[in-house]
């Protein structure tokens, strides 16, 4: 028994802390700036001009500069960091009101036993549609603890709740019909007509939702039947609801009004994002107003409201630290001028493959490129000017190049440490290593689905 405990302790110590992992990646990228030659593409309005790659003066990142990049990363990611702070704290007030406990109690009465899994495809679709059409992604972060709480109360676990939000948003971007930040930018750069291929992209989105629903439902039912099968079994997950607590939850007029405030807030966020191009500044204000109004409805005084905001800030601090550290990786790559070098050389072998295999290779490259450039519009500006002319040379429609881009950009955001994997796991109170243990097999299944959809697009002349 003692030996088993020692082995378990050693295994636990062997798992790197997420801060250590991110810092290690920064170190590796710093070393690469000394190994790889520096190079750049010419750009017009931040758009790369194909065929203009050229060597530039080497600017390897030194040790002191590497540490400066961490600070620069926090500064560069300031918008998303402060948005997460404000929005998470505001949503935590809504959660602490108990309104969701009452809502889940009603859901538990409607969906009993195994039938409760119906919430999985329903919410995957809802989240996916918003991400697919108006480009919501980070805006979903404050709702992660909401869905994890609902999933736990339904007899599943926090991973199921996180999967609903993360997979929903990731597949929404991958199967985006009219996302202005990714598909819109990529189509504009590639010279493809707006809304071109929207029907096939919708079909792709539905296929991914179907595959993901089956996989998440399978895991959820396994956990429901035997909680010890949960990947987070025994872990302390903060601010989650037990089923008994939910059944005993009060659901008076106050709680109903809080939910109405949340619903109105979501509508305002969606409308403002679509109609006025709202982003972090405006959305933070909406979330703060939602939190304060909910607290007033619950009858809380100024000091109590301030204390709850303080608690929310404290709980989300670790996730916000991850954002800054992850952005530090990109600061190193940019300072060393090696991002364009990597993009250039990985694109060269594509011309050697058959058309359908070249299209799949584009998907592979875009997926790995998203590790370096997690910004959808930034990745489009860097890669599409290369991939679109390459598609012409290979006899592919440029819509295929755009499709490969959006597939590679969207779903990998919830897997790569430079994307949102660590951030989302932190918001759910889950160790990122356990999230990876769940999501990597799901991602691989969805990646195979995407590859088959890419091949089908080539064989059917998609975009012609």
Protein backbone atom coordinates (compact mmCIF):
# COMPACT_ATOMS: atom_id res chain seq x y z
CA UNK A 1 0.00 0.00 0.00
CA UNK A 2 2.78 2.39 0.95
CA UNK A 3 4.63 1.58 -2.30
CA UNK A 4 1.47 2.27 -4.31
CA UNK A 5 1.09 5.62 -2.58
CA UNK A 6 4.71 6.48 -3.39
CA UNK A 7 4.22 5.60 -7.06
CA UNK A 8 1.01 7.63 -7.17
CA UNK A 9 2.83 10.57 -5.60
CA UNK A 10 5.66 10.31 -8.13
CA UNK A 11 3.17 10.15 -11.00
CA UNK A 12 1.42 13.25 -9.69
CA UNK A 13 4.71 15.15 -9.45
CA UNK A 14 5.61 14.07 -13.00
CA UNK A 15 2.71 16.08 -14.47
CA UNK A 16 4.04 19.58 -15.27
CA UNK A 17 2.20 22.59 -13.95
CA UNK A 18 0.59 24.56 -16.75
CA UNK A 19 2.77 27.59 -15.98
CA UNK A 20 5.86 25.38 -16.26
CA UNK A 21 4.60 23.93 -19.54
CA UNK A 22 3.94 27.33 -21.08
CA UNK A 23 7.30 28.64 -19.90
CA UNK A 24 9.02 25.60 -21.41
CA UNK A 25 7.38 26.35 -24.76
CA UNK A 26 8.65 29.94 -24.51
CA UNK A 27 12.18 28.61 -23.92
CA UNK A 28 11.94 26.23 -26.91
CA UNK A 29 10.69 29.01 -29.19
CA UNK A 30 13.51 31.24 -27.98
CA UNK A 31 16.03 28.57 -28.94
CA UNK A 32 14.40 28.25 -32.37
CA UNK A 33 15.05 31.94 -33.03
CA UNK A 34 18.77 31.08 -32.91
CA UNK A 35 18.42 28.04 -35.17
CA UNK A 36 15.96 29.09 -37.89
CA UNK A 37 16.78 31.81 -40.40
CA UNK A 38 14.72 34.95 -40.10
CA UNK A 39 12.42 35.82 -42.95
CA UNK A 40 9.34 37.82 -43.85
CA UNK A 41 6.67 38.21 -46.50
CA UNK A 42 5.85 41.62 -47.90
CA UNK A 43 2.49 42.82 -46.67
CA UNK A 44 -0.10 45.31 -47.80
CA UNK A 45 -2.61 46.28 -45.11
CA UNK A 46 -1.34 43.36 -43.00
CA UNK A 47 -2.04 40.92 -45.85
CA UNK A 48 0.86 38.70 -46.94
CA UNK A 49 1.82 38.93 -50.63
CA UNK A 50 2.53 35.47 -52.03
CA UNK A 51 5.95 34.96 -53.58
CA UNK A 52 7.56 37.76 -51.60
CA UNK A 53 9.21 35.72 -48.89
CA UNK A 54 12.72 36.96 -48.31
CA UNK A 55 15.41 36.65 -45.72
CA UNK A 56 15.80 39.46 -43.23
CA UNK A 57 18.42 40.27 -40.66
CA UNK A 58 18.49 37.63 -37.94
CA UNK A 59 17.09 38.82 -34.63
CA UNK A 60 17.57 35.93 -32.20
CA UNK A 61 15.88 36.41 -28.85
CA UNK A 62 18.26 36.69 -25.91
CA UNK A 63 17.68 35.45 -22.39
CA UNK A 64 16.71 38.83 -20.97
CA UNK A 65 14.47 39.55 -23.97
CA UNK A 66 12.78 36.18 -23.46
CA UNK A 67 11.70 37.24 -19.99
CA UNK A 68 10.59 40.59 -21.36
CA UNK A 69 8.36 38.74 -23.83
CA UNK A 70 6.30 37.42 -20.93
CA UNK A 71 5.50 40.94 -19.80
CA UNK A 72 4.87 41.98 -23.40
CA UNK A 73 2.53 39.00 -23.75
CA UNK A 74 0.45 40.19 -20.81
CA UNK A 75 0.31 43.69 -22.26
CA UNK A 76 -0.60 42.43 -25.74
CA UNK A 77 -3.33 40.18 -24.33
CA UNK A 78 -4.61 42.87 -21.97
CA UNK A 79 -7.98 43.14 -23.71
CA UNK A 80 -8.92 39.48 -23.36
CA UNK A 81 -7.40 39.24 -19.85
CA UNK A 82 -9.47 42.08 -18.44
CA UNK A 83 -12.55 40.94 -20.31
CA UNK A 84 -12.25 37.50 -18.70
CA UNK A 85 -11.73 39.10 -15.26
CA UNK A 86 -14.83 41.30 -15.53
CA UNK A 87 -17.12 38.88 -17.33
CA UNK A 88 -16.23 35.89 -15.14
CA UNK A 89 -16.75 37.88 -11.95
CA UNK A 90 -20.11 39.14 -13.24
CA UNK A 91 -21.28 35.67 -14.21
CA UNK A 92 -20.12 34.33 -10.83
CA UNK A 93 -22.58 36.72 -9.19
CA UNK A 94 -25.37 35.29 -11.32
CA UNK A 95 -24.31 31.76 -10.40
CA UNK A 96 -24.16 32.58 -6.67
CA UNK A 97 -27.76 33.83 -6.83
CA UNK A 98 -28.90 30.21 -7.10
CA UNK A 99 -30.94 30.91 -10.23
CA UNK A 100 -29.23 28.15 -12.17
CA UNK A 101 -29.83 25.69 -9.38
CA UNK A 102 -33.54 26.28 -9.76
CA UNK A 103 -33.34 26.10 -13.54
CA UNK A 104 -31.45 22.81 -13.41
CA UNK A 105 -33.99 21.44 -10.93
CA UNK A 106 -36.66 22.06 -13.57
CA UNK A 107 -34.51 20.37 -16.23
CA UNK A 108 -33.95 17.39 -13.94
CA UNK A 109 -37.69 16.96 -13.59
CA UNK A 110 -38.12 17.01 -17.37
CA UNK A 111 -35.11 14.93 -18.37
CA UNK A 112 -34.84 11.86 -16.19
CA UNK A 113 -32.19 9.13 -16.21
CA UNK A 114 -30.45 8.56 -19.52
CA UNK A 115 -32.75 11.04 -21.29
CA UNK A 116 -30.79 13.90 -19.69
CA UNK A 117 -28.09 13.55 -22.34
CA UNK A 118 -30.38 15.35 -24.78
CA UNK A 119 -29.00 18.62 -23.39
CA UNK A 120 -25.63 17.78 -24.95
CA UNK A 121 -26.53 17.99 -28.67
CA UNK A 122 -29.00 20.81 -27.96
CA UNK A 123 -26.43 23.09 -26.35
CA UNK A 124 -23.63 22.02 -28.71
CA UNK A 125 -25.85 23.24 -31.53
CA UNK A 126 -26.83 26.51 -29.82
CA UNK A 127 -23.23 27.43 -28.96
CA UNK A 128 -22.07 26.32 -32.40
CA UNK A 129 -24.61 28.43 -34.27
CA UNK A 130 -23.60 31.61 -32.43
CA UNK A 131 -19.91 30.91 -33.09
CA UNK A 132 -20.57 29.99 -36.70
CA UNK A 133 -22.54 33.09 -37.58
CA UNK A 134 -21.27 36.01 -35.50
CA UNK A 135 -17.94 34.65 -34.32
CA UNK A 136 -18.49 34.27 -30.58
CA UNK A 137 -15.59 32.43 -28.91
CA UNK A 138 -13.99 34.21 -25.95
CA UNK A 139 -17.46 35.59 -25.25
CA UNK A 140 -18.46 32.07 -24.15
CA UNK A 141 -15.78 31.93 -21.43
CA UNK A 142 -17.98 33.31 -18.62
CA UNK A 143 -20.56 30.61 -19.32
CA UNK A 144 -18.13 27.73 -18.81
CA UNK A 145 -18.80 27.47 -15.04
CA UNK A 146 -22.53 27.65 -15.78
CA UNK A 147 -22.43 24.61 -18.07
CA UNK A 148 -20.05 22.68 -15.81
CA UNK A 149 -22.48 23.25 -12.95
CA UNK A 150 -25.42 22.06 -15.00
CA UNK A 151 -23.52 18.98 -16.18
CA UNK A 152 -22.56 18.01 -12.62
CA UNK A 153 -26.12 18.53 -11.42
CA UNK A 154 -27.36 16.31 -14.24
CA UNK A 155 -25.23 13.47 -12.90
CA UNK A 156 -22.33 13.89 -15.35
CA UNK A 157 -19.09 15.74 -14.56
CA UNK A 158 -17.37 19.06 -15.17
CA UNK A 159 -15.64 17.77 -18.31
CA UNK A 160 -19.02 17.25 -19.99
CA UNK A 161 -20.00 20.84 -19.22
CA UNK A 162 -16.70 22.18 -20.52
CA UNK A 163 -16.99 19.99 -23.62
CA UNK A 164 -20.36 21.51 -24.47
CA UNK A 165 -18.91 25.03 -24.53
CA UNK A 166 -15.44 24.24 -25.92
CA UNK A 167 -16.50 21.82 -28.64
CA UNK A 168 -19.53 23.93 -29.49
CA UNK A 169 -17.39 27.05 -30.02
CA UNK A 170 -14.57 25.14 -31.76
CA UNK A 171 -16.91 23.39 -34.18
CA UNK A 172 -18.76 26.65 -34.73
CA UNK A 173 -15.57 28.23 -36.00
CA UNK A 174 -14.56 25.12 -37.96
CA UNK A 175 -17.95 24.84 -39.64
CA UNK A 176 -18.56 28.57 -39.81
CA UNK A 177 -21.11 29.64 -42.38
CA UNK A 178 -20.51 33.41 -42.19
CA UNK A 179 -18.07 34.09 -39.33
CA UNK A 180 -16.78 37.59 -40.18
CA UNK A 181 -13.49 37.14 -38.28
CA UNK A 182 -12.35 33.98 -40.07
CA UNK A 183 -14.37 32.96 -43.14
CA UNK A 184 -15.12 36.57 -44.06
CA UNK A 185 -11.45 37.59 -43.85
CA UNK A 186 -10.22 34.45 -45.64
CA UNK A 187 -12.72 34.75 -48.48
CA UNK A 188 -11.83 38.40 -48.98
CA UNK A 189 -8.10 37.64 -49.19
CA UNK A 190 -8.65 34.62 -51.45
CA UNK A 191 -10.90 36.56 -53.79
CA UNK A 192 -13.82 34.23 -53.09
CA UNK A 193 -17.36 35.62 -53.18
CA UNK A 194 -18.95 36.22 -49.76
CA UNK A 195 -21.18 33.35 -48.60
CA UNK A 196 -19.68 31.10 -51.29
CA UNK A 197 -20.07 27.44 -50.34
CA UNK A 198 -22.26 28.25 -47.34
CA UNK A 199 -24.45 25.20 -47.89
CA UNK A 200 -21.56 22.75 -47.79
CA UNK A 201 -20.02 24.46 -44.77
CA UNK A 202 -23.36 24.08 -42.97
CA UNK A 203 -23.34 20.39 -43.86
CA UNK A 204 -19.78 20.11 -42.46
CA UNK A 205 -20.85 21.81 -39.25
CA UNK A 206 -23.77 19.42 -38.78
CA UNK A 207 -21.52 16.41 -39.40
CA UNK A 208 -19.10 17.59 -36.73
CA UNK A 209 -21.92 18.23 -34.26
CA UNK A 210 -23.22 14.69 -34.84
CA UNK A 211 -19.80 13.10 -34.26
CA UNK A 212 -19.06 15.21 -31.19
CA UNK A 213 -22.51 14.56 -29.71
CA UNK A 214 -22.06 10.81 -29.95
CA UNK A 215 -18.63 10.93 -28.31
CA UNK A 216 -19.62 13.28 -25.48
CA UNK A 217 -22.88 11.41 -24.82
CA UNK A 218 -20.96 8.15 -24.65
CA UNK A 219 -18.62 9.58 -22.03
CA UNK A 220 -21.48 11.25 -20.12
CA UNK A 221 -23.49 8.02 -19.88
CA UNK A 222 -20.39 6.17 -18.68
CA UNK A 223 -19.89 8.72 -15.91
CA UNK A 224 -23.59 8.71 -15.04
CA UNK A 225 -23.56 4.93 -14.67
CA UNK A 226 -20.30 4.86 -12.69
CA UNK A 227 -18.95 8.19 -11.34
CA UNK A 228 -15.55 6.59 -10.73
CA UNK A 229 -15.11 6.48 -14.52
CA UNK A 230 -14.95 10.27 -14.58
CA UNK A 231 -11.55 11.69 -15.51
CA UNK A 232 -11.95 14.19 -12.68
CA UNK A 233 -13.25 11.71 -10.11
CA UNK A 234 -11.98 12.69 -6.68
CA UNK A 235 -10.85 16.14 -7.80
CA UNK A 236 -12.21 19.12 -5.96
CA UNK A 237 -14.12 21.19 -8.49
CA UNK A 238 -15.00 24.60 -7.09
CA UNK A 239 -18.45 26.16 -7.30
CA UNK A 240 -20.26 23.12 -8.66
CA UNK A 241 -23.79 22.02 -7.81
CA UNK A 242 -24.70 18.65 -6.38
CA UNK A 243 -27.96 17.10 -7.57
CA UNK A 244 -29.37 17.13 -4.04
CA UNK A 245 -28.62 20.83 -3.66
CA UNK A 246 -30.30 21.56 -6.96
CA UNK A 247 -33.45 19.65 -6.09
CA UNK A 248 -33.71 21.65 -2.86
CA UNK A 249 -32.93 24.94 -4.57
CA UNK A 250 -35.27 27.90 -4.25
CA UNK A 251 -36.72 29.16 -7.52
CA UNK A 252 -38.71 32.27 -6.59
CA UNK A 253 -39.43 35.43 -8.56
CA UNK A 254 -35.95 36.75 -7.73
CA UNK A 255 -34.22 33.78 -9.38
CA UNK A 256 -36.53 34.00 -12.39
CA UNK A 257 -35.69 37.70 -12.81
CA UNK A 258 -31.97 36.92 -12.64
CA UNK A 259 -32.37 34.42 -15.47
CA UNK A 260 -34.33 36.98 -17.48
CA UNK A 261 -31.49 39.49 -16.95
CA UNK A 262 -29.04 36.87 -18.21
CA UNK A 263 -31.23 36.11 -21.24
CA UNK A 264 -31.55 39.79 -22.11
CA UNK A 265 -27.80 40.19 -21.66
CA UNK A 266 -27.09 37.35 -24.08
CA UNK A 267 -29.44 38.87 -26.65
CA UNK A 268 -27.72 42.25 -26.27
CA UNK A 269 -24.29 40.61 -26.64
CA UNK A 270 -25.33 38.77 -29.80
CA UNK A 271 -27.05 41.78 -31.32
CA UNK A 272 -24.28 44.20 -30.38
CA UNK A 273 -21.59 41.89 -31.75
CA UNK A 274 -23.43 41.46 -35.04
CA UNK A 275 -24.91 44.90 -35.62
CA UNK A 276 -22.26 47.16 -34.12
CA UNK A 277 -19.13 45.04 -34.04
CA UNK A 278 -18.90 45.14 -30.26
CA UNK A 279 -15.85 43.55 -28.74
CA UNK A 280 -14.21 43.38 -25.32
CA UNK A 281 -14.89 46.97 -24.17
CA UNK A 282 -18.61 46.93 -24.87
CA UNK A 283 -19.09 43.28 -23.90
CA UNK A 284 -17.35 43.81 -20.56
CA UNK A 285 -19.76 46.64 -19.83
CA UNK A 286 -22.75 44.43 -20.66
CA UNK A 287 -21.53 41.64 -18.39
CA UNK A 288 -20.85 44.05 -15.54
CA UNK A 289 -24.34 45.53 -15.85
CA UNK A 290 -25.81 42.01 -15.83
CA UNK A 291 -23.92 41.16 -12.63
CA UNK A 292 -24.85 44.35 -10.79
CA UNK A 293 -28.53 44.17 -11.80
CA UNK A 294 -28.70 40.52 -10.71
CA UNK A 295 -27.18 41.42 -7.33
CA UNK A 296 -29.68 44.24 -6.86
CA UNK A 297 -32.55 41.87 -7.67
CA UNK A 298 -31.23 39.46 -5.02
CA UNK A 299 -31.27 42.29 -2.48
CA UNK A 300 -27.51 42.43 -1.88
CA UNK A 301 -25.86 45.63 -0.61
CA UNK A 302 -22.84 47.43 -2.10
CA UNK A 303 -20.31 45.73 0.19
CA UNK A 304 -21.70 42.27 -0.56
CA UNK A 305 -21.63 42.96 -4.28
CA UNK A 306 -18.02 44.17 -4.05
CA UNK A 307 -17.03 41.06 -2.08
CA UNK A 308 -18.57 38.81 -4.71
CA UNK A 309 -16.72 40.62 -7.48
CA UNK A 310 -13.52 40.23 -5.45
CA UNK A 311 -14.15 36.50 -5.11
CA UNK A 312 -14.75 36.20 -8.85
CA UNK A 313 -11.52 38.05 -9.66
CA UNK A 314 -9.59 35.75 -7.33
CA UNK A 315 -11.06 32.55 -8.78
CA UNK A 316 -10.23 33.47 -12.37
CA UNK A 317 -6.74 34.89 -11.74
CA UNK A 318 -4.96 31.64 -12.65
CA UNK A 319 -6.74 31.39 -16.01
CA UNK A 320 -5.87 35.01 -16.79
CA UNK A 321 -2.22 34.31 -16.00
CA UNK A 322 -2.33 31.51 -18.58
CA UNK A 323 -3.54 33.95 -21.22
CA UNK A 324 -0.57 36.24 -20.70
CA UNK A 325 1.97 33.41 -20.66
CA UNK A 326 0.53 31.87 -23.83
CA UNK A 327 0.72 35.23 -25.60
CA UNK A 328 4.38 35.46 -24.53
CA UNK A 329 5.11 32.54 -26.87
CA UNK A 330 3.90 34.57 -29.82
CA UNK A 331 5.92 37.57 -28.69
CA UNK A 332 9.11 35.47 -28.88
CA UNK A 333 8.28 34.16 -32.37
CA UNK A 334 7.51 37.64 -33.64
CA UNK A 335 10.63 39.15 -32.09
CA UNK A 336 12.75 36.45 -33.73
CA UNK A 337 11.08 36.95 -37.14
CA UNK A 338 10.63 33.20 -37.63
CA UNK A 339 6.83 32.88 -37.99
CA UNK A 340 6.92 33.61 -41.74
CA UNK A 341 9.93 31.31 -42.11
CA UNK A 342 7.99 28.42 -40.61
CA UNK A 343 4.91 29.17 -42.74
CA UNK A 344 6.98 29.38 -45.93
CA UNK A 345 8.91 26.14 -45.61
CA UNK A 346 5.99 23.97 -44.46
CA UNK A 347 4.00 25.12 -47.53
CA UNK A 348 6.60 24.04 -50.11
CA UNK A 349 5.98 20.24 -50.06
CA UNK A 350 2.26 20.65 -50.84
CA UNK A 351 2.94 20.99 -54.56
CA UNK A 352 4.28 17.39 -54.62
CA UNK A 353 1.00 15.71 -53.58
CA UNK A 354 -2.13 14.63 -55.52
CA UNK A 355 -4.95 17.16 -55.36
CA UNK A 356 -7.02 15.45 -52.64
CA UNK A 357 -3.95 14.70 -50.52
CA UNK A 358 -2.70 18.25 -50.96
CA UNK A 359 -6.02 19.49 -49.62
CA UNK A 360 -5.70 17.23 -46.56
CA UNK A 361 -2.09 18.42 -46.16
CA UNK A 362 -3.41 21.99 -46.16
CA UNK A 363 -5.67 21.01 -43.26
CA UNK A 364 -2.74 19.50 -41.39
CA UNK A 365 -0.59 22.58 -41.93
CA UNK A 366 -3.36 24.99 -40.94
CA UNK A 367 -3.97 22.96 -37.78
CA UNK A 368 -0.32 23.14 -36.77
CA UNK A 369 -0.08 26.76 -37.90
CA UNK A 370 -2.82 27.59 -35.40
CA UNK A 371 -0.33 26.66 -32.69
CA UNK A 372 1.82 29.59 -33.84
CA UNK A 373 -0.97 31.98 -34.82
CA UNK A 374 -4.11 31.31 -32.74
CA UNK A 375 -5.72 34.47 -34.07
CA UNK A 376 -8.15 33.47 -36.81
CA UNK A 377 -7.87 36.71 -38.78
CA UNK A 378 -4.10 36.77 -38.27
CA UNK A 379 -3.75 33.21 -39.52
CA UNK A 380 -5.92 34.01 -42.53
CA UNK A 381 -3.79 37.06 -43.37
CA UNK A 382 -0.61 35.00 -43.15
CA UNK A 383 -1.57 31.73 -44.81
CA UNK A 384 -4.40 32.33 -47.27
CA UNK A 385 -2.26 34.45 -49.67
CA UNK A 386 -0.01 31.39 -49.93
CA UNK A 387 -2.67 28.67 -49.86
CA UNK A 388 -5.05 30.32 -52.34
CA UNK A 389 -2.52 30.60 -55.25
CA UNK A 390 -1.24 27.14 -54.35
CA UNK A 391 -4.81 25.82 -54.73
CA UNK A 392 -4.83 27.27 -58.26
CA UNK A 393 -1.60 25.43 -59.11
CA UNK A 394 -3.00 22.16 -57.76
CA UNK A 395 -6.27 22.43 -59.66
CA UNK A 396 -8.28 23.06 -56.47
CA UNK A 397 -10.99 25.65 -56.02
CA UNK A 398 -10.01 28.41 -53.64
CA UNK A 399 -13.04 27.56 -51.53
CA UNK A 400 -11.18 24.37 -50.58
CA UNK A 401 -8.24 26.42 -49.31
CA UNK A 402 -10.63 28.53 -47.22
CA UNK A 403 -12.32 25.38 -45.91
CA UNK A 404 -8.96 23.88 -44.90
CA UNK A 405 -8.11 27.13 -43.15
CA UNK A 406 -11.31 27.32 -41.12
CA UNK A 407 -11.13 23.62 -40.17
CA UNK A 408 -7.55 24.02 -38.99
CA UNK A 409 -8.18 27.32 -37.23
CA UNK A 410 -11.34 26.49 -35.31
CA UNK A 411 -11.22 23.20 -33.48
CA UNK A 412 -7.53 23.20 -32.55
CA UNK A 413 -8.09 26.33 -30.46
CA UNK A 414 -9.44 24.11 -27.69
CA UNK A 415 -6.42 21.77 -27.83
CA UNK A 416 -3.27 23.88 -28.37
CA UNK A 417 -1.73 25.46 -25.25
CA UNK A 418 -1.19 28.65 -27.28
CA UNK A 419 -4.93 28.69 -27.94
CA UNK A 420 -7.57 28.36 -25.25
CA UNK A 421 -7.15 24.83 -23.86
CA UNK A 422 -5.52 25.89 -20.60
CA UNK A 423 -7.75 28.93 -20.22
CA UNK A 424 -10.99 27.00 -20.65
CA UNK A 425 -9.85 24.21 -18.35
CA UNK A 426 -8.89 26.79 -15.74
CA UNK A 427 -12.32 28.44 -15.94
CA UNK A 428 -13.95 25.03 -15.42
CA UNK A 429 -11.67 24.22 -12.48
CA UNK A 430 -10.21 21.24 -14.35
CA UNK A 431 -6.52 20.38 -14.72
CA UNK A 432 -5.56 20.97 -18.32
CA UNK A 433 -3.86 17.56 -18.48
CA UNK A 434 -7.20 15.88 -17.72
CA UNK A 435 -8.96 18.03 -20.28
CA UNK A 436 -6.39 16.94 -22.87
CA UNK A 437 -6.94 13.31 -21.90
CA UNK A 438 -10.60 13.72 -22.82
CA UNK A 439 -10.47 16.13 -25.73
CA UNK A 440 -7.50 14.79 -27.73
CA UNK A 441 -9.28 11.52 -28.75
CA UNK A 442 -12.41 13.55 -29.55
CA UNK A 443 -10.33 16.01 -31.55
CA UNK A 444 -8.69 13.20 -33.53
CA UNK A 445 -12.09 11.75 -34.44
CA UNK A 446 -13.29 15.16 -35.55
CA UNK A 447 -10.03 15.74 -37.45
CA UNK A 448 -10.63 12.52 -39.41
CA UNK A 449 -14.18 13.76 -40.07
CA UNK A 450 -12.76 17.04 -41.36
CA UNK A 451 -10.26 15.22 -43.60
CA UNK A 452 -13.06 13.16 -45.15
CA UNK A 453 -15.11 16.30 -45.68
CA UNK A 454 -12.10 17.98 -47.36
CA UNK A 455 -11.65 14.99 -49.68
CA UNK A 456 -15.36 15.02 -50.51
CA UNK A 457 -15.10 18.74 -51.29
CA UNK A 458 -12.26 18.08 -53.75
CA UNK A 459 -13.99 15.14 -55.44
CA UNK A 460 -17.29 17.00 -55.83
CA UNK A 461 -15.73 20.21 -57.12
CA UNK A 462 -16.80 22.23 -54.07
CA UNK A 463 -16.85 25.93 -54.79
CA UNK A 464 -16.91 25.53 -58.54
